Amino acid sequence: MPVHHASPSLLAIETATELCSVAVHCANQIWHVSAHAGQQHSEMLLPMVRDVLSQANMTLADLDAIAFGAGPGSFTGLRIACGVVQGLAFAQRIPVLPIPSLEALAQVGSGQVLCAVDARMGEVYAAHYAVSPDGVIECVRAAQVLKPEALLDQMAAQNFITLIGNAWKIFPVLSDWGRGHAQKIIADVYPDARQILQRALVHWAAGLAVSAELAHPLYVRQRIALTTAEREAGQRL
């Protein structure tokens, strides 16, 4: 394992949604690349890693650890991110920082924050965080997958400062509720490697890095396959 530097050199990967992004931190600077990948994450990810490392004039050998957005999100995207990160980390003998994607997204807000992103199949991934003025994030309710109406039943008596995630514009029932229960709605945002990187720095300082074999995605939804009829209807997990 590497020496535990106070300002580590970290690579971060986020592929939990259709946005594929990679970022690197070194000497208090950040380099970043991103693209809407659709279902092409596996083809795009490693070239993006090479690109961002080249921008930073770094190689994999310069890294102290690798972080990734652990989810919840697309099953395929999460498996790709975890597999690539494990392979790179094993090769360099460095640890991994699995970062909950909704925790990273919560950094965009302040106060009581409810993150909700489209989970497909008429459901959302949601998590409730308290974000202090100095950026400390406390998980109030861990990530779960549920129908939008069930989320509102849980949160009916709660007022939020910020609602974050694309579910707040995709589902009308959430949009309508949000306008009466939050000061701000930030819907046009996806989990991004820069957000993962910022949380990874916090997790690194807290000693939360793990060996590569212990890193795993945060699936939340337990179904890992669609029926033939669901696939033919164009549904995706």
Foldseek 3Di string as FASTA:
>chain_A
DDDLDLQFWEKEWEQQEQKTKIWIGDPNDIFIDIDRNRPNCLVPPVVRVVVRCVVVVHDLLRGQEYEYAQDQGFPVRNVSRLVVRLVSCVVNVHFYHHDHLVQLQCQVDAAWEKEWEDRFPQKIWIFIWHAYPVGDIDTPGDIAIDHPVVVCVVCVPAAEAEYEEQVCVPDVVNVVVNVVRYVYYHYPDGRYRVSRVVVVSVCSVVVNTDHSVPDHHDHNDPDDDDDPVCVVVVTGD
